[in-house]
Protein backbone atom coordinates (compact mmCIF):
# COMPACT_ATOMS: atom_id res chain seq x y z
CA MET A 1 125.50 112.38 88.61
CA ASP A 2 124.11 108.99 89.65
CA VAL A 3 122.67 109.56 93.14
CA PRO A 4 122.03 106.29 95.13
CA PRO A 5 118.97 105.96 97.33
CA SER A 6 119.49 106.56 101.00
CA SER A 7 119.03 103.46 103.06
CA ALA A 8 118.15 105.23 106.25
CA HIS A 9 116.62 108.41 107.70
CA SER A 10 114.42 108.96 104.66
CA LEU A 11 111.91 111.73 104.88
CA PRO A 12 108.36 110.76 106.04
CA THR A 13 105.98 109.81 103.35
CA ASN A 14 102.78 110.83 105.10
CA ALA A 15 101.92 114.44 104.76
CA PRO A 16 100.19 116.26 107.53
CA ASN A 17 96.43 116.56 107.44
CA GLY A 18 95.07 119.66 105.85
CA ALA A 19 91.84 121.45 106.29
CA ARG A 20 88.65 119.49 106.62
CA LYS A 21 87.28 118.42 103.37
CA ASP A 22 85.29 115.60 101.70
CA HIS A 23 87.88 112.84 101.57
CA ARG A 24 85.74 110.71 99.23
CA VAL A 25 86.79 110.74 95.57
CA PHE A 26 84.34 113.04 93.75
CA GLY A 27 82.42 113.54 96.98
CA ASN A 28 80.02 116.22 95.68
CA LEU A 29 79.35 114.42 92.35
CA SER A 30 78.79 111.19 94.29
CA ASP A 31 76.18 112.86 96.54
CA ARG A 32 74.29 114.40 93.55
CA ILE A 33 74.11 111.07 91.58
CA THR A 34 73.09 108.88 94.53
CA ALA A 35 70.48 111.49 95.53
CA SER A 36 68.87 111.19 92.05
CA PHE A 37 68.10 107.59 92.77
CA ASN A 38 66.05 108.32 95.86
CA GLN A 39 62.91 108.85 93.86
CA LEU A 40 63.23 105.37 92.30
CA ARG A 41 63.34 103.52 95.61
CA GLY A 42 60.22 101.61 96.60
CA LYS A 43 58.51 101.87 93.24
CA GLY A 44 57.09 98.72 91.90
CA ARG A 45 57.42 99.82 88.29
CA LEU A 46 59.00 102.78 86.55
CA THR A 47 57.53 105.04 83.87
CA GLU A 48 59.40 107.03 81.30
CA ALA A 49 58.73 110.12 83.23
CA ASP A 50 60.59 108.58 86.26
CA VAL A 51 63.52 107.70 84.06
CA ASN A 52 63.64 111.13 82.48
CA ALA A 53 63.54 112.87 85.87
CA THR A 54 66.45 110.80 87.12
CA VAL A 55 68.55 111.21 83.96
CA THR A 56 67.91 114.99 84.04
CA GLU A 57 69.25 115.23 87.68
CA ILE A 58 72.29 113.15 86.72
CA ARG A 59 72.87 115.48 83.59
CA ARG A 60 72.83 118.48 85.88
CA ALA A 61 75.26 116.88 88.31
CA LEU A 62 77.68 116.01 85.49
CA LEU A 63 77.54 119.52 84.03
CA GLU A 64 78.16 121.09 87.48
CA ALA A 65 81.15 118.72 87.90
CA ASP A 66 82.58 120.35 84.72
CA VAL A 67 82.32 117.24 82.58
CA ALA A 68 82.70 117.93 78.89
CA LEU A 69 79.36 118.45 77.16
CA PRO A 70 79.97 115.69 74.43
CA VAL A 71 80.63 113.24 77.17
CA VAL A 72 77.53 114.23 79.12
CA ARG A 73 75.32 113.93 76.08
CA ALA A 74 76.76 110.48 75.16
CA PHE A 75 76.46 109.32 78.80
CA THR A 76 72.88 110.47 79.46
CA SER A 77 71.64 109.29 76.08
CA ALA A 78 72.93 105.75 76.68
CA VAL A 79 71.51 105.67 80.26
CA ARG A 80 68.08 106.95 79.20
CA GLU A 81 67.82 104.42 76.31
CA LYS A 82 68.76 101.47 78.44
CA ALA A 83 66.71 102.58 81.55
CA VAL A 84 63.56 103.06 79.46
CA ASP A 85 64.03 99.53 78.05
CA ALA A 86 64.37 98.20 81.64
CA ALA A 87 61.17 100.06 82.70
CA ARG A 88 59.28 98.59 79.84
CA SER A 89 60.49 95.05 80.66
CA GLN A 90 58.89 95.33 84.06
CA ALA A 91 61.94 93.99 85.90
CA LEU A 92 61.50 92.84 89.51
CA ASN A 93 63.50 95.77 90.77
CA PRO A 94 63.61 98.51 88.24
CA GLY A 95 65.28 101.01 90.54
CA GLN A 96 68.22 98.75 91.01
CA GLN A 97 68.29 98.11 87.19
CA VAL A 98 68.71 101.87 86.74
CA VAL A 99 71.62 101.96 89.24
CA LYS A 100 73.19 98.98 87.45
CA ILE A 101 72.89 100.78 84.07
CA VAL A 102 74.50 104.03 85.45
CA ASN A 103 77.32 101.96 86.96
CA GLU A 104 78.02 100.27 83.65
CA GLU A 105 78.00 103.52 81.63
CA LEU A 106 80.27 105.21 84.24
CA ILE A 107 82.75 102.37 83.87
CA GLU A 108 82.66 102.82 80.07
CA VAL A 109 83.11 106.64 80.38
CA LEU A 110 86.07 106.10 82.81
CA GLY A 111 87.87 103.75 80.37
CA GLY A 112 86.47 100.22 80.78
CA GLN A 113 89.01 97.52 81.18
CA THR A 114 92.27 98.46 82.90
CA ARG A 115 95.28 98.43 80.54
CA GLU A 116 98.75 97.23 81.54
CA ILE A 117 101.99 99.23 80.86
CA HIS A 118 103.59 98.55 77.59
CA TRP A 119 106.83 96.78 78.66
CA ALA A 120 109.95 96.67 76.43
CA ASP A 121 110.83 93.18 75.09
CA ARG A 122 114.51 94.03 75.58
CA GLY A 123 116.33 96.63 77.51
CA PRO A 124 114.73 99.21 79.80
CA THR A 125 111.11 100.34 79.51
CA ILE A 126 111.13 104.13 78.86
CA ILE A 127 108.31 106.18 80.26
CA MET A 128 108.12 109.96 79.47
CA LEU A 129 106.02 112.30 81.62
CA ALA A 130 104.48 115.43 80.18
CA GLY A 131 101.79 117.87 81.26
CA LEU A 132 100.94 121.37 82.42
CA GLN A 133 103.12 123.29 84.86
CA GLY A 134 101.90 122.61 88.46
CA ALA A 135 100.11 119.32 87.61
CA GLY A 136 102.50 117.54 89.89
CA LYS A 137 104.81 115.70 87.37
CA THR A 138 107.97 115.76 89.52
CA THR A 139 106.34 114.46 92.61
CA LEU A 140 104.48 111.91 90.48
CA ALA A 141 107.76 110.68 88.97
CA GLY A 142 108.83 109.81 92.46
CA LYS A 143 105.54 108.05 93.25
CA LEU A 144 105.72 106.08 89.95
CA GLY A 145 109.38 105.13 90.70
CA ARG A 146 108.33 103.89 94.19
CA TRP A 147 105.45 101.94 92.66
CA LEU A 148 107.72 100.35 90.07
CA ARG A 149 110.29 99.61 92.65
CA ASP A 150 107.57 97.74 94.64
CA GLN A 151 106.89 95.71 91.51
CA GLY A 152 110.55 94.51 91.65
CA LYS A 153 111.84 96.92 88.97
CA ARG A 154 115.21 98.74 89.08
CA VAL A 155 114.26 102.33 88.24
CA LEU A 156 116.10 105.35 87.06
CA LEU A 157 114.55 108.87 87.10
CA VAL A 158 115.94 111.37 84.58
CA ALA A 159 115.80 115.09 85.32
CA SER A 160 115.05 116.59 81.93
CA ASP A 161 113.02 119.52 83.45
CA LEU A 162 115.87 122.17 83.26
CA GLN A 163 113.40 125.11 83.00
CA ARG A 164 111.60 125.29 86.30
CA PRO A 165 113.72 126.57 89.26
CA ASN A 166 115.01 123.79 91.54
CA ALA A 167 113.23 121.10 89.53
CA VAL A 168 116.35 119.00 89.39
CA THR A 169 116.89 119.36 93.23
CA GLN A 170 113.25 118.38 93.83
CA LEU A 171 113.56 115.27 91.65
CA SER A 172 116.73 114.29 93.51
CA VAL A 173 115.05 114.63 96.94
CA VAL A 174 111.91 112.76 95.66
CA ALA A 175 114.10 109.93 94.21
CA GLU A 176 115.88 109.57 97.51
CA ARG A 177 112.63 109.27 99.47
CA ALA A 178 111.31 106.75 96.85
CA GLY A 179 114.37 104.66 97.12
CA VAL A 180 115.31 104.85 93.44
CA HIS A 181 118.25 106.44 91.44
CA VAL A 182 118.21 109.71 89.54
CA TRP A 183 120.21 110.85 86.54
CA ALA A 184 120.89 114.62 86.82
CA PRO A 185 124.11 115.70 85.00
CA GLU A 186 122.86 119.36 84.63
CA PRO A 187 121.98 121.75 87.45
CA GLY A 188 118.91 123.09 85.80
CA ASN A 189 117.49 126.52 86.44
CA GLY A 190 117.66 127.22 82.77
CA VAL A 191 121.07 125.72 82.25
CA GLY A 192 121.63 122.64 80.04
CA ASP A 193 120.08 120.86 77.14
CA PRO A 194 117.05 118.74 78.23
CA VAL A 195 117.09 116.58 75.04
CA ALA A 196 120.77 115.66 75.63
CA VAL A 197 120.09 114.88 79.33
CA ALA A 198 117.22 112.56 78.29
CA ARG A 199 119.20 110.80 75.70
CA SER A 200 122.30 110.36 77.98
CA GLY A 201 120.02 109.14 80.83
CA VAL A 202 118.53 106.36 78.67
CA GLU A 203 122.04 105.38 77.44
CA HIS A 204 123.17 105.14 81.12
CA ALA A 205 120.16 103.04 81.95
CA ARG A 206 120.91 100.58 79.10
CA ALA A 207 124.58 100.29 80.17
CA SER A 208 123.76 99.83 83.90
CA GLY A 209 121.04 97.38 83.54
CA TYR A 210 117.93 99.42 84.71
CA ASP A 211 114.52 97.96 84.09
CA VAL A 212 112.58 101.20 83.78
CA VAL A 213 113.53 104.74 82.91
CA VAL A 214 111.17 107.66 83.87
CA VAL A 215 111.88 110.93 82.07
CA ASP A 216 110.55 114.03 83.84
CA THR A 217 110.07 116.91 81.30
CA ALA A 218 109.32 120.63 81.65
CA GLY A 219 105.71 121.77 82.28
CA ARG A 220 103.77 123.88 79.96
CA LEU A 221 101.63 126.89 80.92
CA GLY A 222 99.42 126.19 77.92
CA VAL A 223 99.79 125.54 74.22
CA ASP A 224 103.28 126.74 74.08
CA ALA A 225 104.91 126.09 70.64
CA GLU A 226 108.50 126.26 71.92
CA MET A 227 107.91 123.87 74.80
CA MET A 228 105.82 121.54 72.56
CA ASP A 229 108.72 121.39 70.14
CA GLN A 230 111.06 120.50 73.01
CA ALA A 231 108.74 117.60 74.01
CA ILE A 232 108.62 116.32 70.40
CA ARG A 233 112.50 116.35 70.31
CA ILE A 234 112.76 114.47 73.58
CA ARG A 235 110.19 111.96 72.33
CA ASP A 236 112.19 111.38 69.11
CA ALA A 237 115.51 111.17 71.07
CA VAL A 238 114.40 108.42 73.59
CA ALA A 239 111.64 106.63 71.69
CA PRO A 240 109.43 106.05 74.85
CA HIS A 241 107.28 102.93 75.15
CA GLU A 242 104.75 105.05 77.16
CA ILE A 243 104.05 108.77 77.09
CA LEU A 244 101.96 109.64 80.18
CA PHE A 245 100.05 112.95 80.32
CA VAL A 246 99.77 114.04 83.93
CA LEU A 247 96.36 115.72 84.34
CA ASP A 248 95.44 117.82 87.43
CA ALA A 249 92.02 116.53 88.54
CA MET A 250 91.21 119.88 90.06
CA VAL A 251 91.65 122.00 87.00
CA GLY A 252 88.67 120.84 84.92
CA GLN A 253 88.02 121.60 81.24
CA ASP A 254 91.06 123.79 80.68
CA ALA A 255 93.28 120.84 81.33
CA VAL A 256 91.30 118.59 79.12
CA ASN A 257 91.48 121.12 76.29
CA THR A 258 95.16 121.40 76.71
CA SER A 259 95.52 117.66 76.65
CA VAL A 260 93.78 117.53 73.27
CA ALA A 261 96.30 120.07 71.86
CA PHE A 262 99.20 118.04 73.31
CA ARG A 263 97.74 114.88 71.93
CA ASP A 264 97.56 116.38 68.50
CA GLY A 265 101.05 117.94 68.71
CA VAL A 266 103.12 115.19 70.56
CA GLY A 267 100.82 112.35 71.27
CA PHE A 268 100.49 110.31 74.45
CA THR A 269 99.52 106.73 75.24
CA GLY A 270 97.98 107.15 78.67
CA VAL A 271 96.84 109.64 81.41
CA VAL A 272 97.72 109.91 85.07
CA LEU A 273 95.29 111.78 87.29
CA SER A 274 96.95 113.82 89.97
CA LYS A 275 95.40 115.47 93.16
CA LEU A 276 92.39 113.27 93.02
CA ASP A 277 92.05 113.67 96.77
CA GLY A 278 91.48 117.36 96.48
CA ASP A 279 88.29 119.28 96.12
CA ALA A 280 87.92 118.08 92.55
CA ARG A 281 84.57 118.38 90.84
CA GLY A 282 85.56 115.34 88.66
CA GLY A 283 85.09 116.84 85.28
CA ALA A 284 88.70 116.20 84.01
CA ALA A 285 88.66 112.58 85.12
CA LEU A 286 85.28 111.82 83.59
CA SER A 287 86.09 113.70 80.37
CA VAL A 288 89.61 112.80 79.46
CA ARG A 289 88.97 109.35 78.11
CA GLY A 290 85.96 110.42 76.02
CA VAL A 291 87.81 113.51 74.69
CA THR A 292 91.23 112.17 74.06
CA GLY A 293 90.64 108.51 73.72
CA ALA A 294 93.60 107.74 75.85
CA PRO A 295 93.12 105.41 78.98
CA VAL A 296 93.66 106.45 82.52
CA LEU A 297 96.45 104.27 83.90
CA PHE A 298 97.24 105.68 87.33
CA SER A 299 95.89 108.05 89.87
CA SER A 300 97.50 109.98 92.66
CA THR A 301 95.34 110.38 95.86
CA GLY A 302 97.53 112.25 98.29
CA GLU A 303 100.83 113.86 99.04
CA GLY A 304 102.58 110.75 100.37
CA LEU A 305 104.73 108.61 97.97
CA THR A 306 102.55 105.66 98.69
CA ASP A 307 99.36 107.65 97.76
CA PHE A 308 99.57 106.29 94.18
CA GLU A 309 97.57 103.45 92.65
CA ARG A 310 96.50 101.81 89.42
CA PHE A 311 93.39 103.30 88.03
CA HIS A 312 90.45 100.84 87.77
CA ALA A 313 87.37 102.18 86.06
CA ASP A 314 85.04 99.76 87.76
CA ARG A 315 86.30 100.60 91.25
CA MET A 316 86.14 104.38 90.57
CA ALA A 317 82.57 104.05 89.36
CA SER A 318 81.71 102.09 92.50
CA ARG A 319 83.16 104.94 94.63
CA ILE A 320 81.19 107.61 92.75
CA LEU A 321 77.95 105.61 93.35
CA ASP A 322 78.85 105.27 97.02
CA MET A 323 79.29 101.49 96.80
CA GLY A 324 82.83 101.59 98.22
CA ASP A 325 86.10 100.15 96.93
CA LEU A 326 86.80 97.14 99.06
CA LEU A 327 89.12 95.60 96.43
CA THR A 328 91.52 98.50 96.69
CA LEU A 329 91.21 98.46 100.47
CA ILE A 330 92.09 94.77 100.62
CA GLU A 331 95.03 95.25 98.24
CA GLN A 332 96.40 98.01 100.51
CA ALA A 333 95.98 95.68 103.57
CA GLU A 334 97.80 92.81 101.79
CA ARG A 335 100.75 95.12 101.03
CA THR A 336 100.90 96.62 104.54
CA LEU A 337 99.69 94.16 107.12
CA ASP A 338 101.54 91.25 108.66
CA ARG A 339 99.43 88.11 108.01
CA GLN A 340 101.08 86.19 110.81
CA GLU A 341 100.49 88.89 113.37
CA ALA A 342 96.82 89.01 112.30
CA GLU A 343 96.33 85.26 112.64
CA ASP A 344 98.07 85.29 116.16
CA ALA A 345 95.80 88.12 117.20
CA ALA A 346 92.67 86.09 115.95
CA ALA A 347 93.84 83.07 117.97
CA LYS A 348 94.32 85.20 121.12
CA LEU A 349 90.84 86.57 120.66
CA ALA A 350 89.38 83.12 120.48
CA LYS A 351 91.29 82.09 123.66
CA GLY A 352 90.41 85.36 125.52
CA THR A 353 94.08 86.34 125.84
CA PHE A 354 94.01 89.41 123.57
CA THR A 355 95.58 92.35 125.37
CA LEU A 356 96.11 96.00 124.81
CA ASP A 357 99.62 95.12 123.60
CA ASP A 358 98.11 93.18 120.72
CA PHE A 359 95.61 95.90 120.01
CA LEU A 360 98.43 98.56 119.89
CA GLY A 361 100.31 96.39 117.33
CA GLN A 362 97.20 96.12 115.15
CA LEU A 363 96.47 99.79 115.46
CA ARG A 364 99.98 100.64 114.26
CA GLN A 365 99.52 98.35 111.32
CA ILE A 366 96.36 100.09 110.35
CA ARG A 367 98.02 103.40 110.50
CA ARG A 368 100.74 102.23 108.05
CA MET A 369 97.95 101.82 105.45
CA GLY A 370 97.39 105.58 105.44
CA SER A 371 94.86 108.18 106.64
CA MET A 372 91.84 106.70 108.55
CA LYS A 373 89.59 109.12 106.61
CA LYS A 374 90.88 107.72 103.35
CA LEU A 375 90.41 104.16 104.55
CA LEU A 376 86.90 104.78 105.80
CA GLY A 377 86.04 106.63 102.61
CA MET A 378 86.51 103.30 100.71
CA MET A 379 83.78 101.61 102.72
CA PRO A 380 80.27 101.29 101.08
CA GLY A 381 77.67 103.79 102.24
CA MET A 382 80.11 106.39 103.60
CA GLY A 383 78.28 109.14 101.64
CA GLN A 384 75.39 108.72 104.12
CA MET A 385 77.84 109.34 107.02
CA ARG A 386 79.69 112.27 105.42
CA ASP A 387 79.41 114.60 108.38
CA ALA A 388 80.73 111.92 110.72
CA LEU A 389 83.60 111.27 108.32
CA GLU A 390 84.45 114.91 107.95
CA ASN A 391 84.36 115.37 111.81
CA PHE A 392 86.58 112.45 112.44
CA ASP A 393 89.74 113.57 114.21
CA GLU A 394 92.87 111.75 113.10
CA ARG A 395 94.49 112.80 116.38
CA GLU A 396 92.10 110.51 118.26
CA VAL A 397 94.28 107.59 117.06
CA ASP A 398 97.35 109.46 118.43
CA ARG A 399 95.59 109.80 121.80
CA ILE A 400 94.73 106.14 121.95
CA GLU A 401 98.34 105.20 121.22
CA ALA A 402 99.59 107.65 123.88
CA ILE A 403 97.29 106.20 126.52
CA VAL A 404 98.27 102.66 125.80
CA CYS A 405 102.05 103.45 125.71
CA SER A 406 101.59 105.23 129.03
CA MET A 407 100.62 101.91 130.72
CA THR A 408 103.12 99.44 132.14
CA PRO A 409 103.41 95.95 130.44
CA ALA A 410 101.59 94.45 133.43
CA GLU A 411 98.66 96.97 133.05
CA ARG A 412 98.26 96.31 129.35
CA LYS A 413 98.12 92.59 130.05
CA ASP A 414 95.62 92.72 132.96
CA LEU A 415 93.30 95.75 132.96
CA SER A 416 91.77 94.62 136.28
CA ILE A 417 94.69 96.12 138.18
CA LEU A 418 93.91 99.60 136.89
CA ASN A 419 92.77 101.34 140.15
CA GLY A 420 92.14 105.08 140.39
CA SER A 421 95.75 105.92 141.12
CA ARG A 422 97.07 104.10 138.13
CA ARG A 423 94.48 105.60 135.79
CA SER A 424 95.43 109.06 137.03
CA ARG A 425 99.10 108.38 136.33
CA ILE A 426 98.31 107.04 132.81
CA ALA A 427 96.20 110.16 132.09
CA LYS A 428 99.04 112.44 133.12
CA GLY A 429 101.63 110.45 131.19
CA SER A 430 99.59 110.52 127.98
CA GLY A 431 98.51 114.14 128.24
CA THR A 432 94.80 113.16 128.37
CA THR A 433 92.18 112.86 131.17
CA VAL A 434 91.10 109.99 133.44
CA GLN A 435 87.73 110.09 131.54
CA ALA A 436 89.57 109.36 128.26
CA VAL A 437 91.47 106.47 129.93
CA ASN A 438 88.20 104.97 131.28
CA GLU A 439 86.49 105.29 127.96
CA LEU A 440 89.34 103.50 126.17
CA VAL A 441 89.32 100.69 128.72
CA ASP A 442 85.58 100.29 128.59
CA ARG A 443 85.44 100.11 124.79
CA PHE A 444 88.31 97.76 124.64
CA GLU A 445 86.61 95.41 127.02
CA GLN A 446 83.31 95.65 125.19
CA ALA A 447 84.82 94.98 121.77
CA LYS A 448 86.99 92.19 123.20
CA LYS A 449 84.01 90.55 124.86
CA MET A 450 82.04 90.80 121.60
CA MET A 451 84.78 89.17 119.52
CA GLU A 452 85.27 86.47 122.11
CA ALA A 453 81.58 85.59 121.83
CA MET A 454 81.75 85.50 118.03
CA ALA A 455 84.95 83.39 118.15
CA SER A 456 83.16 80.84 120.28
CA GLY A 457 80.10 80.77 118.11
CA GLY A 458 78.05 83.47 119.92
CA GLY A 459 77.00 85.22 116.70
CA MET A 460 76.65 88.97 116.59
CA GLY A 461 75.33 89.42 120.15
CA GLY A 462 76.78 92.49 121.81
CA LEU A 463 77.51 94.27 118.53
CA GLY A 464 75.56 97.31 119.82
CA GLU A 465 77.72 97.62 122.88
CA GLY A 466 80.76 99.13 121.27
CA GLY A 467 82.22 100.34 117.97
CA PRO A 468 84.39 98.16 115.88
CA MET A 469 87.67 99.87 117.09
CA PRO A 470 88.18 100.21 120.83
CA GLY A 471 88.52 103.76 121.91
CA MET A 472 87.02 105.26 118.83
CA GLY A 473 83.39 104.33 119.21
CA SER A 474 80.99 103.66 116.40
CA LEU A 475 81.40 105.59 113.17
CA PRO A 476 78.58 108.19 113.64
CA GLY A 477 80.14 109.53 116.78
CA MET A 478 83.71 108.59 116.10
CA GLY A 479 84.71 108.38 119.72
CA LYS A 480 83.57 109.88 122.89
CA HIS A 481 79.97 110.99 123.28
CA SER A 482 78.71 108.58 120.60
CA LYS A 483 75.45 106.99 121.73
CA ALA A 484 73.88 103.96 120.28
CA ARG A 485 70.23 103.07 120.67
CA GLN A 486 70.11 99.87 122.64
CA ALA A 487 67.39 97.32 123.09
CA PRO A 488 65.83 97.14 126.61
CA LYS A 489 67.47 94.42 128.75
CA ALA A 490 65.43 91.26 129.32
CA LYS A 491 64.20 90.74 132.77
CA ARG A 492 65.89 87.94 134.73
CA GLY A 493 63.53 85.65 136.44
CA LYS A 494 64.07 83.74 139.65
CA GLY A 495 66.92 81.27 139.51
CA GLY A 496 68.11 82.89 136.34
CA LYS A 497 71.72 83.28 135.31
CA LYS A 498 73.51 86.29 136.86
CA GLY A 499 74.56 88.91 134.36
CA ARG A 500 77.96 90.56 133.96
CA SER A 501 79.03 92.84 136.67
CA GLY A 502 79.23 96.56 136.16
CA ASN A 503 82.53 96.70 137.99
CA PRO A 504 85.32 96.69 135.31
CA ALA A 505 87.66 94.53 137.34
CA LYS A 506 84.99 91.99 138.30
CA ALA A 507 83.66 92.02 134.68
CA ALA A 508 87.10 91.28 133.40
CA ARG A 509 87.39 88.33 135.83
CA GLN A 510 83.99 87.05 134.66
CA ALA A 511 85.06 87.36 131.03
CA LYS A 512 88.21 85.29 131.79
CA GLU A 513 86.27 82.61 133.53
CA ALA A 514 83.74 82.35 130.68
CA ALA A 515 86.62 82.17 128.15
CA ALA A 516 88.23 79.41 130.15
CA ALA A 517 84.99 77.40 130.34
CA LYS A 518 84.53 77.75 126.62
CA GLN A 519 88.13 76.71 125.92
CA ALA A 520 87.56 73.57 128.14
CA LYS A 521 84.50 72.68 125.98
CA ILE A 522 86.55 73.11 122.90
CA GLU A 523 89.20 70.78 124.23
CA ALA A 524 86.39 68.27 125.15
CA GLY A 525 85.45 68.04 121.50
CA GLN A 526 83.00 70.88 120.84
CA SER A 527 84.53 72.40 117.78
CA ALA A 528 84.71 76.27 117.57
CA ALA A 529 87.16 77.63 115.04
CA PRO A 530 88.84 80.83 115.90
CA ALA A 531 87.51 83.92 114.12
CA ALA A 532 89.69 84.97 111.17
CA GLY A 533 88.43 88.52 111.22
CA SER A 534 88.52 90.75 114.20
CA SER A 535 86.70 93.87 115.38
CA PHE A 536 90.02 95.63 114.74
CA GLY A 537 89.73 95.00 110.99
CA LEU A 538 92.94 92.89 110.63
CA GLY A 539 91.93 89.20 110.61
CA GLY A 540 93.36 86.81 108.06
CA SER A 541 91.08 84.22 106.52
CA GLN A 542 91.78 80.58 107.15
CA SER A 543 91.56 79.91 103.42
CA GLY A 544 94.50 82.11 102.74
CA ALA A 545 92.50 84.97 101.20
CA SER A 546 92.59 88.39 102.65
CA GLY A 547 90.73 88.46 105.86
CA TYR A 548 88.00 91.00 105.95
CA GLY A 549 85.17 88.55 106.74
CA ILE A 550 84.32 88.51 110.39
CA MET A 551 83.21 84.89 110.38
CA PRO A 552 84.68 82.38 108.04
CA GLN A 553 82.54 79.63 106.48
CA ALA A 554 84.11 76.92 108.75
CA GLN A 555 83.25 78.89 111.82
CA GLN A 556 79.65 79.41 110.64
CA GLN A 557 79.30 75.68 110.17
CA ALA A 558 80.78 75.06 113.59
CA GLN A 559 78.32 77.53 115.09
CA ALA A 560 75.37 75.93 113.41
CA SER A 561 76.13 72.61 114.93
CA ALA A 562 77.30 73.90 118.35
CA GLN A 563 75.92 72.37 121.56
CA PRO A 564 74.12 74.55 124.17
CA SER A 565 76.81 76.68 125.79
CA GLY A 566 75.05 77.70 128.97
CA ASP A 567 74.91 81.30 127.91
CA ASP A 568 71.49 82.62 127.21
CA VAL A 569 72.50 84.90 124.30
CA THR A 570 74.55 82.20 122.65
CA ASP A 571 71.80 79.58 123.03
CA ALA A 572 69.18 81.95 121.71
CA MET A 573 71.25 82.65 118.59
CA GLY A 574 71.84 78.94 118.06
CA ALA A 575 68.11 78.24 118.28
CA LEU A 576 67.22 80.43 115.31
CA PRO A 577 66.29 78.74 112.05
CA GLU A 578 69.32 78.02 109.82
CA ASP A 579 68.08 80.14 106.92
CA LEU A 580 67.40 83.14 109.22
CA ARG A 581 70.84 82.84 110.81
CA ARG A 582 72.38 82.69 107.36
CA HIS A 583 70.43 85.79 106.26
CA LEU A 584 71.51 87.70 109.34
CA GLY A 585 75.23 86.64 108.75
CA LEU A 586 75.31 84.65 112.06
């Protein structure tokens, strides 16, 4: 049967959160390798003994991660040889040279340059999936179909796994969720000929004008001669352009050894790593290229259909070395976020008209990108904040949304009208406490005030007052009870300028008056470009690139030439030497 995708009421693609775990890819391996670099920091020059000690620690980390011994030997040998040469050359920063060498060798072990799919010149491109039972082939078929659909391809999934109970039903459900078609003429559960199903599916795809055919095959418990023969017959019947071996990243060396047997018996052109978000030691992912010679083309990083991405060796190496993966984060943002809404929000920040309604819209856009833990795990240096990341409660975002949704439109627009009675009503409506409402309002005002100052050329003043996302605090505390060490306030002499009021309503009025005064100066000819980025992480750059920079170049230039604003903090920032401001990112 040819089942069309459902246009509405599809099942949710975001799986519920499981138990707490390290959400960074290869978290334990990353911690061990980065810790091995600690002894190199601060040294003016390195000796061979320093290099050998570091390489020994890396070797132990790789072996404990269940990386294949031949791969470990080749990797550590290359790192040791190049690192010793760097130490002898007396480079200016030998410690960084070693990190650079390890990064380059990791990229090589993981596969080097990313390879594209082999597309058919004419007719549909045929992709055959194979692997061990339980590796996640059927779910991955749906993820691959969804990814191909997003690339503009018309996709057909073929249910050739007739061995496992309910495999055909599962593929049909996954196909519906992914928005692609499925070819399932046989009920499965041991009934039907998988080779005939695969052949008829490809013929149907050719006749119906499909761009890609994904053939799901039965899993193998090990080196099973009968099932291996079935895979060979399916391969010969459909002549696939790609044979992708689905490898469970949590299994380790057993899966790698089986992949070698499958390569020798059937052959495959690429590897897909599944369950890369689990408590994987990383051995399979780091070993498969060196052992089989096949490149890793894709990786699955979650249970949702959108938790699927191209595998980039350089980005994965960067994650392992705790240097983040901003490119993947930006790509996810570009696919998910609305650029026009982001630009409108940035303009409102510059004018001082950004409200909780706008914030709620941006928060919902961020949530569409996936788990907050996963997004934060892509940021550089998160390994040093592992405990904070693990203790981050995804439900905090739900509470923030509930509080904002419990406000009236007038209250979201003007927080100064929030008296005690209104705050109590909001707390009851959102199922939270008055304290939680107060904390959200305070953090929103602090972050808004900071971004308004930056939008008008005030630099980074006020950054220590609040975390980058209102209501969630700075990362170490991830919300309430987070405390930041603040510099002592400067004493105000006689005749000095009065500071901001501690009363929330009065402070809001003062912020509006300050914003109005700055807007009047802008209209009078003092240029101050609106900030493309925002403290809410969704700004769009004026140049058209993805907007993750808080201050675009045009704004920095405008700030450098800004006239005295009448604000002590702003004038002090503007009086700093140009090279120092540039170094501080002001």
